[in-house]
PDB file of N, CA and C in Angstrom:
ATOM      1  N   UNK A   1     132.470  94.305  39.330  1.00  0.00           N
ATOM      2  CA  UNK A   1     132.513  95.481  39.379  1.00  0.00           C
ATOM      3  C   UNK A   1     133.138  95.903  38.164  1.00  0.00           C
ATOM      4  N   UNK A   2     134.215  94.932  37.452  1.00  0.00           N
ATOM      5  CA  UNK A   2     134.636  95.882  36.242  1.00  0.00           C
ATOM      6  C   UNK A   2     133.551  95.736  35.517  1.00  0.00           C
ATOM      7  N   UNK A   3     133.078  94.258  35.164  1.00  0.00           N
ATOM      8  CA  UNK A   3     132.045  93.270  34.576  1.00  0.00           C
ATOM      9  C   UNK A   3     131.174  94.451  33.999  1.00  0.00           C
ATOM     10  N   UNK A   4     130.124  94.737  35.441  1.00  0.00           N
ATOM     11  CA  UNK A   4     129.507  95.478  35.425  1.00  0.00           C
ATOM     12  C   UNK A   4     129.207  96.803  34.937  1.00  0.00           C
ATOM     13  N   UNK A   5     130.355  97.268  34.901  1.00  0.00           N
ATOM     14  CA  UNK A   5     130.632  99.052  34.446  1.00  0.00           C
ATOM     15  C   UNK A   5     130.424  98.795  32.996  1.00  0.00           C
ATOM     16  N   UNK A   6     130.576  97.339  32.314  1.00  0.00           N
ATOM     17  CA  UNK A   6     130.613  97.545  30.790  1.00  0.00           C
ATOM     18  C   UNK A   6     128.908  97.313  30.887  1.00  0.00           C
ATOM     19  N   UNK A   7     128.228  96.858  31.504  1.00  0.00           N
ATOM     20  CA  UNK A   7     126.728  96.276  31.638  1.00  0.00           C
ATOM     21  C   UNK A   7     125.838  97.665  31.484  1.00  0.00           C
ATOM     22  N   UNK A   8     126.724  98.301  32.283  1.00  0.00           N
ATOM     23  CA  UNK A   8     125.672  99.486  32.746  1.00  0.00           C
ATOM     24  C   UNK A   8     126.161 100.664  32.114  1.00  0.00           C
ATOM     25  N   UNK A   9     127.278 101.025  31.407  1.00  0.00           N
ATOM     26  CA  UNK A   9     127.386 101.470  30.427  1.00  0.00           C
ATOM     27  C   UNK A   9     126.917 101.554  28.867  1.00  0.00           C
ATOM     28  N   UNK A  10     126.310 100.129  29.272  1.00  0.00           N
ATOM     29  CA  UNK A  10     125.112  99.657  27.614  1.00  0.00           C
ATOM     30  C   UNK A  10     124.060 100.535  27.711  1.00  0.00           C
ATOM     31  N   UNK A  11     123.303 100.882  28.844  1.00  0.00           N
ATOM     32  CA  UNK A  11     121.708 101.587  28.932  1.00  0.00           C
ATOM     33  C   UNK A  11     121.883 103.059  29.198  1.00  0.00           C
ATOM     34  N   UNK A  12     121.624 103.761  28.638  1.00  0.00           N
ATOM     35  CA  UNK A  12     121.350 105.525  28.308  1.00  0.00           C
ATOM     36  C   UNK A  12     120.703 105.852  29.393  1.00  0.00           C
ATOM     37  N   UNK A  13     119.822 104.950  30.914  1.00  0.00           N
ATOM     38  CA  UNK A  13     119.335 105.999  31.501  1.00  0.00           C
ATOM     39  C   UNK A  13     120.354 105.971  32.737  1.00  0.00           C
ATOM     40  N   UNK A  14     119.598 106.697  33.651  1.00  0.00           N
ATOM     41  CA  UNK A  14     120.187 107.218  34.546  1.00  0.00           C
ATOM     42  C   UNK A  14     120.339 105.874  35.880  1.00  0.00           C
ATOM     43  N   UNK A  15     119.040 105.737  34.554  1.00  0.00           N
ATOM     44  CA  UNK A  15     119.114 104.176  35.751  1.00  0.00           C
ATOM     45  C   UNK A  15     119.809 102.530  35.391  1.00  0.00           C
ATOM     46  N   UNK A  16     120.798 103.384  34.728  1.00  0.00           N
ATOM     47  CA  UNK A  16     121.336 101.690  34.156  1.00  0.00           C
ATOM     48  C   UNK A  16     122.678 101.276  35.527  1.00  0.00           C
ATOM     49  N   UNK A  17     122.515 102.927  36.493  1.00  0.00           N
ATOM     50  CA  UNK A  17     124.041 102.795  37.647  1.00  0.00           C
ATOM     51  C   UNK A  17     123.162 101.560  38.346  1.00  0.00           C
ATOM     52  N   UNK A  18     121.868 101.012  38.241  1.00  0.00           N
ATOM     53  CA  UNK A  18     121.713 100.104  38.965  1.00  0.00           C
ATOM     54  C   UNK A  18     121.192  99.050  38.712  1.00  0.00           C
ATOM     55  N   UNK A  19     121.750  97.986  37.509  1.00  0.00           N
ATOM     56  CA  UNK A  19     121.972  96.852  37.346  1.00  0.00           C
ATOM     57  C   UNK A  19     122.705  96.410  38.405  1.00  0.00           C
ATOM     58  N   UNK A  20     124.011  96.655  38.255  1.00  0.00           N
ATOM     59  CA  UNK A  20     124.889  95.406  39.156  1.00  0.00           C
ATOM     60  C   UNK A  20     123.938  95.533  40.471  1.00  0.00           C
ATOM     61  N   UNK A  21     123.037  96.280  40.978  1.00  0.00           N
ATOM     62  CA  UNK A  21     122.094  96.053  41.762  1.00  0.00           C
ATOM     63  C   UNK A  21     120.876  94.787  42.086  1.00  0.00           C
ATOM     64  N   UNK A  22     120.843  94.915  40.115  1.00  0.00           N
ATOM     65  CA  UNK A  22     119.956  93.631  40.075  1.00  0.00           C
ATOM     66  C   UNK A  22     121.257  92.962  40.303  1.00  0.00           C
ATOM     67  N   UNK A  23     121.890  92.390  39.460  1.00  0.00           N
ATOM     68  CA  UNK A  23     123.511  90.961  39.871  1.00  0.00           C
ATOM     69  C   UNK A  23     123.592  90.871  40.893  1.00  0.00           C
ATOM     70  N   UNK A  24     123.607  91.133  42.290  1.00  0.00           N
ATOM     71  CA  UNK A  24     124.127  91.175  42.983  1.00  0.00           C
ATOM     72  C   UNK A  24     123.250  90.671  43.823  1.00  0.00           C
ATOM     73  N   UNK A  25     121.201  90.569  43.758  1.00  0.00           N
ATOM     74  CA  UNK A  25     120.540  89.818  44.040  1.00  0.00           C
ATOM     75  C   UNK A  25     120.048  88.600  44.136  1.00  0.00           C
ATOM     76  N   UNK A  26     120.538  88.997  42.702  1.00  0.00           N
ATOM     77  CA  UNK A  26     120.303  87.568  42.142  1.00  0.00           C
ATOM     78  C   UNK A  26     120.960  86.725  42.136  1.00  0.00           C
ATOM     79  N   UNK A  27     122.843  87.084  42.506  1.00  0.00           N
ATOM     80  CA  UNK A  27     123.509  86.089  43.179  1.00  0.00           C
ATOM     81  C   UNK A  27     124.099  85.231  44.516  1.00  0.00           C
ATOM     82  N   UNK A  28     123.741  86.635  45.714  1.00  0.00           N
ATOM     83  CA  UNK A  28     122.680  86.075  46.955  1.00  0.00           C
ATOM     84  C   UNK A  28     121.892  85.461  47.265  1.00  0.00           C
ATOM     85  N   UNK A  29     120.738  85.787  45.961  1.00  0.00           N
ATOM     86  CA  UNK A  29     119.827  85.105  46.133  1.00  0.00           C
ATOM     87  C   UNK A  29     120.068  83.465  45.430  1.00  0.00           C
ATOM     88  N   UNK A  30     120.818  83.237  45.269  1.00  0.00           N
ATOM     89  CA  UNK A  30     121.593  81.671  44.461  1.00  0.00           C
ATOM     90  C   UNK A  30     122.014  81.092  45.427  1.00  0.00           C
ATOM     91  N   UNK A  31     123.193  81.635  46.362  1.00  0.00           N
ATOM     92  CA  UNK A  31     123.801  81.954  47.372  1.00  0.00           C
ATOM     93  C   UNK A  31     123.387  80.893  48.488  1.00  0.00           C
ATOM     94  N   UNK A  32     121.995  81.726  49.669  1.00  0.00           N
ATOM     95  CA  UNK A  32     122.126  81.350  49.885  1.00  0.00           C
ATOM     96  C   UNK A  32     120.694  80.275  49.913  1.00  0.00           C
ATOM     97  N   UNK A  33     120.282  80.049  48.339  1.00  0.00           N
ATOM     98  CA  UNK A  33     119.271  78.743  47.891  1.00  0.00           C
ATOM     99  C   UNK A  33     120.317  77.826  47.840  1.00  0.00           C
ATOM    100  N   UNK A  34     121.683  77.685  47.670  1.00  0.00           N
ATOM    101  CA  UNK A  34     122.034  76.088  47.316  1.00  0.00           C
ATOM    102  C   UNK A  34     123.313  76.086  48.660  1.00  0.00           C
ATOM    103  N   UNK A  35     123.543  76.955  49.725  1.00  0.00           N
ATOM    104  CA  UNK A  35     124.183  76.819  49.854  1.00  0.00           C
ATOM    105  C   UNK A  35     123.420  76.209  52.061  1.00  0.00           C
ATOM    106  N   UNK A  36     122.317  77.209  52.339  1.00  0.00           N
ATOM    107  CA  UNK A  36     121.060  77.074  53.173  1.00  0.00           C
ATOM    108  C   UNK A  36     120.329  75.164  52.775  1.00  0.00           C
ATOM    109  N   UNK A  37     120.307  74.411  54.208  1.00  0.00           N
ATOM    110  CA  UNK A  37     119.081  73.483  54.242  1.00  0.00           C
ATOM    111  C   UNK A  37     118.086  73.912  54.583  1.00  0.00           C
ATOM    112  N   UNK A  38     118.019  74.864  55.649  1.00  0.00           N
ATOM    113  CA  UNK A  38     116.465  74.950  55.600  1.00  0.00           C
ATOM    114  C   UNK A  38     115.259  75.549  54.810  1.00  0.00           C
ATOM    115  N   UNK A  39     114.074  75.096  54.767  1.00  0.00           N
ATOM    116  CA  UNK A  39     112.823  75.385  53.869  1.00  0.00           C
ATOM    117  C   UNK A  39     112.359  76.906  53.575  1.00  0.00           C
ATOM    118  N   UNK A  40     112.541  77.072  54.519  1.00  0.00           N
ATOM    119  CA  UNK A  40     112.771  79.194  54.638  1.00  0.00           C
ATOM    120  C   UNK A  40     113.645  79.386  53.915  1.00  0.00           C
ATOM    121  N   UNK A  41     115.195  79.212  54.736  1.00  0.00           N
ATOM    122  CA  UNK A  41     116.262  80.190  53.400  1.00  0.00           C
ATOM    123  C   UNK A  41     115.971  79.898  52.232  1.00  0.00           C
ATOM    124  N   UNK A  42     115.978  78.382  51.594  1.00  0.00           N
ATOM    125  CA  UNK A  42     115.444  77.988  50.267  1.00  0.00           C
ATOM    126  C   UNK A  42     114.875  78.899  49.815  1.00  0.00           C
ATOM    127  N   UNK A  43     114.009  79.488  50.585  1.00  0.00           N
ATOM    128  CA  UNK A  43     111.895  79.986  49.807  1.00  0.00           C
ATOM    129  C   UNK A  43     112.559  81.267  49.720  1.00  0.00           C
ATOM    130  N   UNK A  44     113.653  82.201  50.880  1.00  0.00           N
ATOM    131  CA  UNK A  44     114.190  83.556  50.881  1.00  0.00           C
ATOM    132  C   UNK A  44     114.523  83.865  49.214  1.00  0.00           C
ATOM    133  N   UNK A  45     116.059  82.226  49.181  1.00  0.00           N
ATOM    134  CA  UNK A  45     116.922  82.626  48.178  1.00  0.00           C
ATOM    135  C   UNK A  45     116.048  82.013  47.145  1.00  0.00           C
ATOM    136  N   UNK A  46     114.925  81.402  46.493  1.00  0.00           N
ATOM    137  CA  UNK A  46     113.704  81.624  45.317  1.00  0.00           C
ATOM    138  C   UNK A  46     113.505  82.906  44.943  1.00  0.00           C
ATOM    139  N   UNK A  47     113.045  83.546  46.392  1.00  0.00           N
ATOM    140  CA  UNK A  47     112.369  85.561  46.018  1.00  0.00           C
ATOM    141  C   UNK A  47     113.205  86.490  45.834  1.00  0.00           C
ATOM    142  N   UNK A  48     114.969  85.968  45.906  1.00  0.00           N
ATOM    143  CA  UNK A  48     115.964  86.535  45.312  1.00  0.00           C
ATOM    144  C   UNK A  48     116.454  86.441  44.465  1.00  0.00           C
ATOM    145  N   UNK A  49     116.444  85.196  44.208  1.00  0.00           N
ATOM    146  CA  UNK A  49     116.391  85.350  42.531  1.00  0.00           C
ATOM    147  C   UNK A  49     116.046  85.747  41.482  1.00  0.00           C
ATOM    148  N   UNK A  50     114.562  85.752  41.885  1.00  0.00           N
ATOM    149  CA  UNK A  50     113.574  85.777  41.162  1.00  0.00           C
ATOM    150  C   UNK A  50     113.532  87.700  41.192  1.00  0.00           C
ATOM    151  N   UNK A  51     113.183  88.004  42.055  1.00  0.00           N
ATOM    152  CA  UNK A  51     114.185  89.639  42.027  1.00  0.00           C
ATOM    153  C   UNK A  51     114.646  89.927  41.952  1.00  0.00           C
ATOM    154  N   UNK A  52     115.798  89.356  41.977  1.00  0.00           N
ATOM    155  CA  UNK A  52     116.836  90.009  40.992  1.00  0.00           C
ATOM    156  C   UNK A  52     117.160  89.805  39.643  1.00  0.00           C
ATOM    157  N   UNK A  53     116.744  89.007  38.984  1.00  0.00           N
ATOM    158  CA  UNK A  53     116.839  88.419  37.628  1.00  0.00           C
ATOM    159  C   UNK A  53     115.275  89.754  37.327  1.00  0.00           C
ATOM    160  N   UNK A  54     113.766  89.832  37.928  1.00  0.00           N
ATOM    161  CA  UNK A  54     113.137  91.044  37.253  1.00  0.00           C
ATOM    162  C   UNK A  54     113.721  92.606  37.521  1.00  0.00           C
ATOM    163  N   UNK A  55     114.590  92.638  38.640  1.00  0.00           N
ATOM    164  CA  UNK A  55     115.763  93.894  38.777  1.00  0.00           C
ATOM    165  C   UNK A  55     116.093  94.087  38.134  1.00  0.00           C
ATOM    166  N   UNK A  56     116.847  93.116  37.008  1.00  0.00           N
ATOM    167  CA  UNK A  56     118.300  92.731  36.752  1.00  0.00           C
ATOM    168  C   UNK A  56     117.410  93.522  34.793  1.00  0.00           C
ATOM    169  N   UNK A  57     116.208  92.885  34.727  1.00  0.00           N
ATOM    170  CA  UNK A  57     115.407  92.357  33.413  1.00  0.00           C
ATOM    171  C   UNK A  57     114.436  94.071  33.009  1.00  0.00           C
ATOM    172  N   UNK A  58     114.135  95.349  34.255  1.00  0.00           N
ATOM    173  CA  UNK A  58     113.390  95.680  33.984  1.00  0.00           C
ATOM    174  C   UNK A  58     114.945  97.469  33.670  1.00  0.00           C
ATOM    175  N   UNK A  59     115.948  97.018  34.881  1.00  0.00           N
ATOM    176  CA  UNK A  59     116.685  98.064  34.444  1.00  0.00           C
ATOM    177  C   UNK A  59     117.121  98.216  33.160  1.00  0.00           C
ATOM    178  N   UNK A  60     117.430  97.247  32.581  1.00  0.00           N
ATOM    179  CA  UNK A  60     118.503  96.957  31.259  1.00  0.00           C
ATOM    180  C   UNK A  60     117.142  97.298  30.374  1.00  0.00           C
ATOM    181  N   UNK A  61     116.084  97.336  29.995  1.00  0.00           N
ATOM    182  CA  UNK A  61     115.078  97.308  28.826  1.00  0.00           C
ATOM    183  C   UNK A  61     114.386  98.331  29.125  1.00  0.00           C
ATOM    184  N   UNK A  62     114.972  98.840  30.332  1.00  0.00           N
ATOM    185  CA  UNK A  62     113.612 100.234  31.230  1.00  0.00           C
ATOM    186  C   UNK A  62     112.721  99.935  30.268  1.00  0.00           C
ATOM    187  N   UNK A  63     111.467  98.824  30.879  1.00  0.00           N
ATOM    188  CA  UNK A  63     110.111  98.503  31.114  1.00  0.00           C
ATOM    189  C   UNK A  63     109.757  97.118  31.616  1.00  0.00           C
ATOM    190  N   UNK A  64     108.898  96.542  30.748  1.00  0.00           N
ATOM    191  CA  UNK A  64     108.756  95.872  31.525  1.00  0.00           C
ATOM    192  C   UNK A  64     109.091  94.361  30.291  1.00  0.00           C
ATOM    193  N   UNK A  65     109.740  93.675  30.142  1.00  0.00           N
ATOM    194  CA  UNK A  65     109.952  92.417  29.557  1.00  0.00           C
ATOM    195  C   UNK A  65     109.302  91.498  29.491  1.00  0.00           C
ATOM    196  N   UNK A  66     108.915  90.535  28.953  1.00  0.00           N
ATOM    197  CA  UNK A  66     108.652  89.044  29.340  1.00  0.00           C
ATOM    198  C   UNK A  66     109.073  88.353  29.849  1.00  0.00           C
ATOM    199  N   UNK A  67     110.318  88.323  30.371  1.00  0.00           N
ATOM    200  CA  UNK A  67     110.965  87.922  31.276  1.00  0.00           C
ATOM    201  C   UNK A  67     110.304  88.344  32.875  1.00  0.00           C
ATOM    202  N   UNK A  68     110.111  89.493  32.822  1.00  0.00           N
ATOM    203  CA  UNK A  68     109.547  89.918  34.344  1.00  0.00           C
ATOM    204  C   UNK A  68     108.185  89.023  34.686  1.00  0.00           C
ATOM    205  N   UNK A  69     107.647  88.909  33.275  1.00  0.00           N
ATOM    206  CA  UNK A  69     105.707  88.816  33.582  1.00  0.00           C
ATOM    207  C   UNK A  69     106.464  87.244  33.794  1.00  0.00           C
ATOM    208  N   UNK A  70     107.166  86.136  33.495  1.00  0.00           N
ATOM    209  CA  UNK A  70     107.859  85.599  33.240  1.00  0.00           C
ATOM    210  C   UNK A  70     107.816  84.992  35.303  1.00  0.00           C
ATOM    211  N   UNK A  71     108.594  85.922  35.657  1.00  0.00           N
ATOM    212  CA  UNK A  71     109.168  85.937  36.912  1.00  0.00           C
ATOM    213  C   UNK A  71     107.654  86.898  38.117  1.00  0.00           C
ATOM    214  N   UNK A  72     106.508  87.237  37.928  1.00  0.00           N
ATOM    215  CA  UNK A  72     105.367  87.032  38.238  1.00  0.00           C
ATOM    216  C   UNK A  72     104.980  85.212  37.675  1.00  0.00           C
ATOM    217  N   UNK A  73     104.739  85.339  37.473  1.00  0.00           N
ATOM    218  CA  UNK A  73     105.379  83.659  36.823  1.00  0.00           C
ATOM    219  C   UNK A  73     105.617  82.818  38.055  1.00  0.00           C
ATOM    220  N   UNK A  74     106.585  82.546  38.035  1.00  0.00           N
ATOM    221  CA  UNK A  74     107.732  81.942  39.392  1.00  0.00           C
ATOM    222  C   UNK A  74     106.544  82.485  40.798  1.00  0.00           C
ATOM    223  N   UNK A  75     106.638  83.543  40.548  1.00  0.00           N
ATOM    224  CA  UNK A  75     106.226  83.850  42.360  1.00  0.00           C
ATOM    225  C   UNK A  75     104.496  83.460  42.384  1.00  0.00           C
ATOM    226  N   UNK A  76     103.830  82.590  41.881  1.00  0.00           N
ATOM    227  CA  UNK A  76     102.444  82.278  41.888  1.00  0.00           C
ATOM    228  C   UNK A  76     102.686  80.932  41.483  1.00  0.00           C
ATOM    229  N   UNK A  77     104.269  80.233  41.027  1.00  0.00           N
ATOM    230  CA  UNK A  77     104.207  78.985  41.796  1.00  0.00           C
ATOM    231  C   UNK A  77     104.724  78.625  42.181  1.00  0.00           C
ATOM    232  N   UNK A  78     105.721  79.491  42.812  1.00  0.00           N
ATOM    233  CA  UNK A  78     106.577  79.423  44.847  1.00  0.00           C
ATOM    234  C   UNK A  78     104.979  79.408  45.643  1.00  0.00           C
ATOM    235  N   UNK A  79     104.084  80.933  45.776  1.00  0.00           N
ATOM    236  CA  UNK A  79     102.930  80.292  46.412  1.00  0.00           C
ATOM    237  C   UNK A  79     102.519  79.012  46.282  1.00  0.00           C
ATOM    238  N   UNK A  80     102.420  78.351  45.100  1.00  0.00           N
ATOM    239  CA  UNK A  80     101.071  77.320  45.170  1.00  0.00           C
ATOM    240  C   UNK A  80     102.111  76.135  45.866  1.00  0.00           C
ATOM    241  N   UNK A  81     103.478  76.305  45.708  1.00  0.00           N
ATOM    242  CA  UNK A  81     103.813  75.360  46.578  1.00  0.00           C
ATOM    243  C   UNK A  81     104.053  75.506  47.827  1.00  0.00           C
ATOM    244  N   UNK A  82     104.489  76.488  48.487  1.00  0.00           N
ATOM    245  CA  UNK A  82     104.208  76.784  49.906  1.00  0.00           C
ATOM    246  C   UNK A  82     103.266  76.280  50.518  1.00  0.00           C
ATOM    247  N   UNK A  83     101.591  76.424  49.876  1.00  0.00           N
ATOM    248  CA  UNK A  83     100.322  76.565  50.508  1.00  0.00           C
ATOM    249  C   UNK A  83     100.278  74.722  50.674  1.00  0.00           C
ATOM    250  N   UNK A  84     100.363  74.563  48.891  1.00  0.00           N
ATOM    251  CA  UNK A  84     100.883  72.415  49.202  1.00  0.00           C
ATOM    252  C   UNK A  84     101.821  72.069  50.138  1.00  0.00           C
ATOM    253  N   UNK A  85     102.923  72.669  51.022  1.00  0.00           N
ATOM    254  CA  UNK A  85     103.215  71.818  51.784  1.00  0.00           C
ATOM    255  C   UNK A  85     102.717  72.485  52.960  1.00  0.00           C
ATOM    256  N   UNK A  86     101.784  73.194  53.569  1.00  0.00           N
ATOM    257  CA  UNK A  86     101.367  73.673  54.877  1.00  0.00           C
ATOM    258  C   UNK A  86     100.048  72.542  54.192  1.00  0.00           C
ATOM    259  N   UNK A  87      99.416  72.758  52.984  1.00  0.00           N
ATOM    260  CA  UNK A  87      98.329  71.799  53.348  1.00  0.00           C
ATOM    261  C   UNK A  87      98.422  70.528  53.669  1.00  0.00           C
ATOM    262  N   UNK A  88     100.205  69.961  53.387  1.00  0.00           N
ATOM    263  CA  UNK A  88     100.311  68.310  53.167  1.00  0.00           C
ATOM    264  C   UNK A  88     100.475  68.055  54.939  1.00  0.00           C
ATOM    265  N   UNK A  89     100.888  68.790  55.695  1.00  0.00           N
ATOM    266  CA  UNK A  89     101.046  69.431  56.938  1.00  0.00           C
ATOM    267  C   UNK A  89     100.076  69.535  57.899  1.00  0.00           C
ATOM    268  N   UNK A  90      98.589  69.826  57.219  1.00  0.00           N
ATOM    269  CA  UNK A  90      97.569  70.019  58.028  1.00  0.00           C
ATOM    270  C   UNK A  90      97.080  68.854  57.851  1.00  0.00           C
ATOM    271  N   UNK A  91      97.342  68.096  56.866  1.00  0.00           N
ATOM    272  CA  UNK A  91      96.256  66.639  56.831  1.00  0.00           C
ATOM    273  C   UNK A  91      97.101  66.180  57.661  1.00  0.00           C
ATOM    274  N   UNK A  92      98.245  66.436  57.915  1.00  0.00           N
ATOM    275  CA  UNK A  92      99.427  64.924  58.155  1.00  0.00           C
ATOM    276  C   UNK A  92      98.496  65.507  59.749  1.00  0.00           C
ATOM    277  N   UNK A  93      98.895  66.325  60.627  1.00  0.00           N
ATOM    278  CA  UNK A  93      98.482  66.322  62.134  1.00  0.00           C
ATOM    279  C   UNK A  93      96.611  66.814  62.332  1.00  0.00           C
ATOM    280  N   UNK A  94      96.953  66.910  61.555  1.00  0.00           N
ATOM    281  CA  UNK A  94      95.006  67.222  61.541  1.00  0.00           C
ATOM    282  C   UNK A  94      94.160  65.724  61.019  1.00  0.00           C
ATOM    283  N   UNK A  95      94.225  65.357  59.665  1.00  0.00           N
ATOM    284  CA  UNK A  95      94.255  64.426  59.063  1.00  0.00           C
ATOM    285  C   UNK A  95      92.787  63.954  58.317  1.00  0.00           C
ATOM    286  N   UNK A  96      92.579  65.890  57.861  1.00  0.00           N
ATOM    287  CA  UNK A  96      91.930  65.960  56.776  1.00  0.00           C
ATOM    288  C   UNK A  96      91.939  67.619  57.176  1.00  0.00           C
ATOM    289  N   UNK A  97      91.521  67.650  55.659  1.00  0.00           N
ATOM    290  CA  UNK A  97      91.755  69.142  55.546  1.00  0.00           C
ATOM    291  C   UNK A  97      90.523  70.192  55.014  1.00  0.00           C
ATOM    292  N   UNK A  98      88.306  69.686  55.456  1.00  0.00           N
ATOM    293  CA  UNK A  98      87.859  70.052  54.797  1.00  0.00           C
ATOM    294  C   UNK A  98      87.963  70.907  56.284  1.00  0.00           C
ATOM    295  N   UNK A  99      87.194  71.757  55.715  1.00  0.00           N
ATOM    296  CA  UNK A  99      86.899  73.238  57.027  1.00  0.00           C
ATOM    297  C   UNK A  99      86.138  73.019  58.335  1.00  0.00           C
ATOM    298  N   UNK A 100      84.567  72.440  57.822  1.00  0.00           N
ATOM    299  CA  UNK A 100      83.880  71.533  58.619  1.00  0.00           C
ATOM    300  C   UNK A 100      84.615  71.217  59.657  1.00  0.00           C
ATOM    301  N   UNK A 101      85.147  69.918  58.820  1.00  0.00           N
ATOM    302  CA  UNK A 101      86.223  69.095  60.577  1.00  0.00           C
ATOM    303  C   UNK A 101      87.303  69.618  61.099  1.00  0.00           C
ATOM    304  N   UNK A 102      87.951  70.890  60.065  1.00  0.00           N
ATOM    305  CA  UNK A 102      88.499  71.149  60.986  1.00  0.00           C
ATOM    306  C   UNK A 102      88.231  72.739  62.024  1.00  0.00           C
ATOM    307  N   UNK A 103      87.099  72.672  62.239  1.00  0.00           N
ATOM    308  CA  UNK A 103      86.369  73.708  62.723  1.00  0.00           C
ATOM    309  C   UNK A 103      85.632  73.288  63.715  1.00  0.00           C
ATOM    310  N   UNK A 104      85.251  71.976  63.859  1.00  0.00           N
ATOM    311  CA  UNK A 104      84.964  71.241  65.110  1.00  0.00           C
ATOM    312  C   UNK A 104      87.000  70.504  65.878  1.00  0.00           C
ATOM    313  N   UNK A 105      87.479  71.004  65.501  1.00  0.00           N
ATOM    314  CA  UNK A 105      88.493  71.105  66.199  1.00  0.00           C
ATOM    315  C   UNK A 105      88.828  71.982  66.893  1.00  0.00           C
ATOM    316  N   UNK A 106      88.341  73.417  66.177  1.00  0.00           N
ATOM    317  CA  UNK A 106      88.019  74.143  67.385  1.00  0.00           C
ATOM    318  C   UNK A 106      86.949  74.334  68.565  1.00  0.00           C
ATOM    319  N   UNK A 107      85.787  73.607  67.564  1.00  0.00           N
ATOM    320  CA  UNK A 107      84.991  73.301  69.730  1.00  0.00           C
ATOM    321  C   UNK A 107      84.646  72.674  70.813  1.00  0.00           C
TER     322      UNK A 107
END
């Protein structure tokens, strides 16, 4: 709180008072990321870290800096990783990822 008060004072906008929330979101996400063993909890941790960084950068710079753009790229990479895991599980369970072959399972 005492450290972030100095950072919040550097931002002239009233939104600067919200800077500690961005840092808190980052720290909570990092704690969740390193302390949980379940994949879903780690994904939530990664998203909290990413959104905490984006919120902090957005509030400090009062705009959309390149750091926010990197955060969006990180979100896209996270979605790709989750889809890759789901595709691998589908292939292990059903033996194929071809939509026509998977449709035959429905029939």
